[in-house]
């Protein structure tokens, strides 16, 4: 869900420089609206970059993640 929220943010804003306290609203396949703490999640992904799977790094890089 967080990846989908990041992708939604990127498609709308054109970047992943998400403010730490940003909350992204998404609608899931079940039509439920959710609020995800996207800023915190992005920050955590950056801080854990060395331990993420290569697939996750590739996914996030493809939608504009800056690792530094």
N, C-alpha and C. Protein backbone atom coordinates (compact mmCIF):
# COMPACT_ATOMS: atom_id res chain seq x y z
N UNK A 1 0.81 -1.20 0.00
CA UNK A 1 0.00 0.00 0.00
C UNK A 1 0.86 1.26 0.00
N UNK A 2 1.95 1.23 0.78
CA UNK A 2 2.81 2.41 0.83
C UNK A 2 3.47 2.67 -0.51
N UNK A 3 3.88 1.60 -1.20
CA UNK A 3 4.48 1.78 -2.52
C UNK A 3 3.46 2.42 -3.47
N UNK A 4 2.22 1.95 -3.44
CA UNK A 4 1.19 2.52 -4.31
C UNK A 4 0.96 4.00 -3.98
N UNK A 5 1.00 4.33 -2.69
CA UNK A 5 0.84 5.72 -2.28
C UNK A 5 2.01 6.56 -2.79
N UNK A 6 3.23 5.99 -2.73
CA UNK A 6 4.41 6.70 -3.23
C UNK A 6 4.29 6.92 -4.74
N UNK A 7 3.83 5.90 -5.43
CA UNK A 7 3.66 6.01 -6.89
C UNK A 7 2.61 7.07 -7.22
N UNK A 8 1.52 7.09 -6.48
CA UNK A 8 0.47 8.09 -6.67
C UNK A 8 1.02 9.50 -6.44
N UNK A 9 1.79 9.68 -5.38
CA UNK A 9 2.39 10.98 -5.07
C UNK A 9 3.33 11.40 -6.20
N UNK A 10 4.16 10.47 -6.66
CA UNK A 10 5.11 10.78 -7.74
C UNK A 10 4.38 11.18 -9.02
N UNK A 11 3.34 10.45 -9.37
CA UNK A 11 2.60 10.76 -10.59
C UNK A 11 1.94 12.13 -10.51
N UNK A 12 1.52 12.52 -9.34
CA UNK A 12 0.87 13.82 -9.15
C UNK A 12 1.88 14.96 -9.05
N UNK A 13 2.95 14.75 -8.28
CA UNK A 13 3.90 15.82 -7.97
C UNK A 13 5.15 15.82 -8.84
N UNK A 14 5.51 14.66 -9.42
CA UNK A 14 6.69 14.57 -10.27
C UNK A 14 7.99 14.35 -9.51
N UNK A 15 7.89 14.05 -8.21
CA UNK A 15 9.07 13.80 -7.39
C UNK A 15 8.66 13.03 -6.14
N UNK A 16 9.66 12.55 -5.40
CA UNK A 16 9.39 11.87 -4.13
C UNK A 16 10.04 12.60 -2.97
N UNK A 17 10.11 13.91 -3.06
CA UNK A 17 10.62 14.71 -1.94
C UNK A 17 9.44 15.01 -1.03
N UNK A 18 9.04 13.98 -0.31
CA UNK A 18 7.83 14.02 0.50
C UNK A 18 8.15 14.60 1.87
N UNK A 19 7.42 15.62 2.32
CA UNK A 19 7.64 16.14 3.67
C UNK A 19 7.42 15.03 4.71
N UNK A 20 8.22 15.01 5.74
CA UNK A 20 8.20 13.94 6.74
C UNK A 20 6.80 13.69 7.32
N UNK A 21 6.00 14.72 7.49
CA UNK A 21 4.68 14.55 8.12
C UNK A 21 3.54 14.41 7.10
N UNK A 22 3.87 14.25 5.84
CA UNK A 22 2.84 14.17 4.80
C UNK A 22 2.02 12.89 4.94
N UNK A 23 0.71 13.03 4.82
CA UNK A 23 -0.22 11.90 4.82
C UNK A 23 -0.85 11.84 3.44
N UNK A 24 -0.74 10.69 2.79
CA UNK A 24 -1.29 10.50 1.45
C UNK A 24 -2.60 9.72 1.56
N UNK A 25 -3.62 10.23 0.90
CA UNK A 25 -4.92 9.54 0.88
C UNK A 25 -4.98 8.68 -0.38
N UNK A 26 -5.33 7.42 -0.20
CA UNK A 26 -5.45 6.51 -1.33
C UNK A 26 -6.79 5.78 -1.25
N UNK A 27 -7.20 5.24 -2.38
CA UNK A 27 -8.39 4.40 -2.44
C UNK A 27 -7.93 3.04 -2.93
N UNK A 28 -8.17 2.03 -2.11
CA UNK A 28 -7.75 0.68 -2.45
C UNK A 28 -8.69 0.00 -3.43
N UNK A 29 -8.33 -1.22 -3.81
CA UNK A 29 -9.16 -1.99 -4.73
C UNK A 29 -10.54 -2.26 -4.13
N UNK A 30 -10.62 -2.27 -2.81
CA UNK A 30 -11.90 -2.50 -2.13
C UNK A 30 -12.71 -1.20 -1.98
N UNK A 31 -12.22 -0.13 -2.63
CA UNK A 31 -12.86 1.19 -2.61
C UNK A 31 -12.82 1.86 -1.24
N UNK A 32 -12.01 1.33 -0.32
CA UNK A 32 -11.83 1.95 0.99
C UNK A 32 -10.79 3.06 0.88
N UNK A 33 -11.09 4.21 1.45
CA UNK A 33 -10.12 5.30 1.48
C UNK A 33 -9.21 5.10 2.69
N UNK A 34 -7.92 5.27 2.46
CA UNK A 34 -6.93 5.11 3.52
C UNK A 34 -6.04 6.34 3.59
N UNK A 35 -5.55 6.59 4.78
CA UNK A 35 -4.56 7.66 4.97
C UNK A 35 -3.27 7.00 5.41
N UNK A 36 -2.24 7.17 4.61
CA UNK A 36 -0.94 6.55 4.88
C UNK A 36 0.09 7.62 5.21
N UNK A 37 0.89 7.37 6.20
CA UNK A 37 1.94 8.30 6.60
C UNK A 37 3.11 8.15 5.64
N UNK A 38 2.92 8.68 4.44
CA UNK A 38 3.88 8.48 3.36
C UNK A 38 5.22 9.13 3.65
N UNK A 39 5.23 10.31 4.23
CA UNK A 39 6.49 10.99 4.52
C UNK A 39 7.38 10.17 5.43
N UNK A 40 6.81 9.61 6.47
CA UNK A 40 7.58 8.77 7.39
C UNK A 40 8.06 7.51 6.69
N UNK A 41 7.21 6.91 5.88
CA UNK A 41 7.60 5.68 5.18
C UNK A 41 8.76 5.93 4.21
N UNK A 42 8.68 7.03 3.44
CA UNK A 42 9.76 7.37 2.51
C UNK A 42 11.05 7.58 3.28
N UNK A 43 11.01 8.31 4.37
CA UNK A 43 12.20 8.53 5.19
C UNK A 43 12.78 7.22 5.70
N UNK A 44 11.91 6.30 6.13
CA UNK A 44 12.38 5.00 6.61
C UNK A 44 13.02 4.19 5.49
N UNK A 45 12.45 4.25 4.29
CA UNK A 45 13.03 3.51 3.17
C UNK A 45 14.43 4.05 2.85
N UNK A 46 14.56 5.37 2.89
CA UNK A 46 15.88 5.96 2.62
C UNK A 46 16.90 5.54 3.68
N UNK A 47 16.50 5.55 4.94
CA UNK A 47 17.45 5.22 6.00
C UNK A 47 17.80 3.73 6.01
N UNK A 48 16.95 2.91 5.43
CA UNK A 48 17.19 1.46 5.38
C UNK A 48 17.66 0.99 4.01
N UNK A 49 18.08 1.90 3.18
CA UNK A 49 18.44 1.56 1.80
C UNK A 49 19.41 0.39 1.70
N UNK A 50 20.36 0.33 2.59
CA UNK A 50 21.38 -0.73 2.53
C UNK A 50 20.81 -2.11 2.81
N UNK A 51 19.66 -2.16 3.50
CA UNK A 51 19.09 -3.47 3.85
C UNK A 51 17.87 -3.84 3.01
N UNK A 52 17.45 -2.95 2.12
CA UNK A 52 16.30 -3.26 1.26
C UNK A 52 16.70 -4.26 0.19
N UNK A 53 15.72 -5.02 -0.27
CA UNK A 53 15.99 -5.96 -1.36
C UNK A 53 16.30 -5.18 -2.64
N UNK A 54 17.10 -5.76 -3.52
CA UNK A 54 17.39 -5.08 -4.79
C UNK A 54 16.11 -4.77 -5.58
N UNK A 55 15.10 -5.62 -5.46
CA UNK A 55 13.85 -5.40 -6.16
C UNK A 55 13.15 -4.14 -5.63
N UNK A 56 13.14 -3.96 -4.31
CA UNK A 56 12.50 -2.79 -3.70
C UNK A 56 13.26 -1.52 -4.11
N UNK A 57 14.58 -1.57 -4.07
CA UNK A 57 15.38 -0.41 -4.48
C UNK A 57 15.07 -0.05 -5.93
N UNK A 58 14.98 -1.06 -6.78
CA UNK A 58 14.68 -0.83 -8.19
C UNK A 58 13.28 -0.23 -8.37
N UNK A 59 12.30 -0.77 -7.64
CA UNK A 59 10.93 -0.23 -7.71
C UNK A 59 10.89 1.24 -7.34
N UNK A 60 11.50 1.57 -6.22
CA UNK A 60 11.47 2.95 -5.75
C UNK A 60 12.29 3.88 -6.64
N UNK A 61 13.41 3.40 -7.14
CA UNK A 61 14.23 4.21 -8.05
C UNK A 61 13.47 4.53 -9.32
N UNK A 62 12.67 3.56 -9.78
CA UNK A 62 11.90 3.73 -11.02
C UNK A 62 10.86 4.84 -10.90
N UNK A 63 10.40 5.14 -9.69
CA UNK A 63 9.42 6.21 -9.53
C UNK A 63 10.04 7.47 -8.93
N UNK A 64 11.35 7.58 -9.03
CA UNK A 64 11.98 8.84 -8.68
C UNK A 64 12.58 8.98 -7.30
N UNK A 65 12.79 7.87 -6.60
CA UNK A 65 13.38 7.95 -5.25
C UNK A 65 14.81 8.46 -5.36
N UNK A 66 15.13 9.44 -4.53
CA UNK A 66 16.51 9.92 -4.38
C UNK A 66 17.00 9.34 -3.08
N UNK A 67 18.11 8.64 -3.12
CA UNK A 67 18.60 7.90 -1.96
C UNK A 67 19.49 8.73 -1.05
N UNK A 68 19.92 9.88 -1.50
CA UNK A 68 20.79 10.69 -0.63
C UNK A 68 20.14 12.01 -0.29
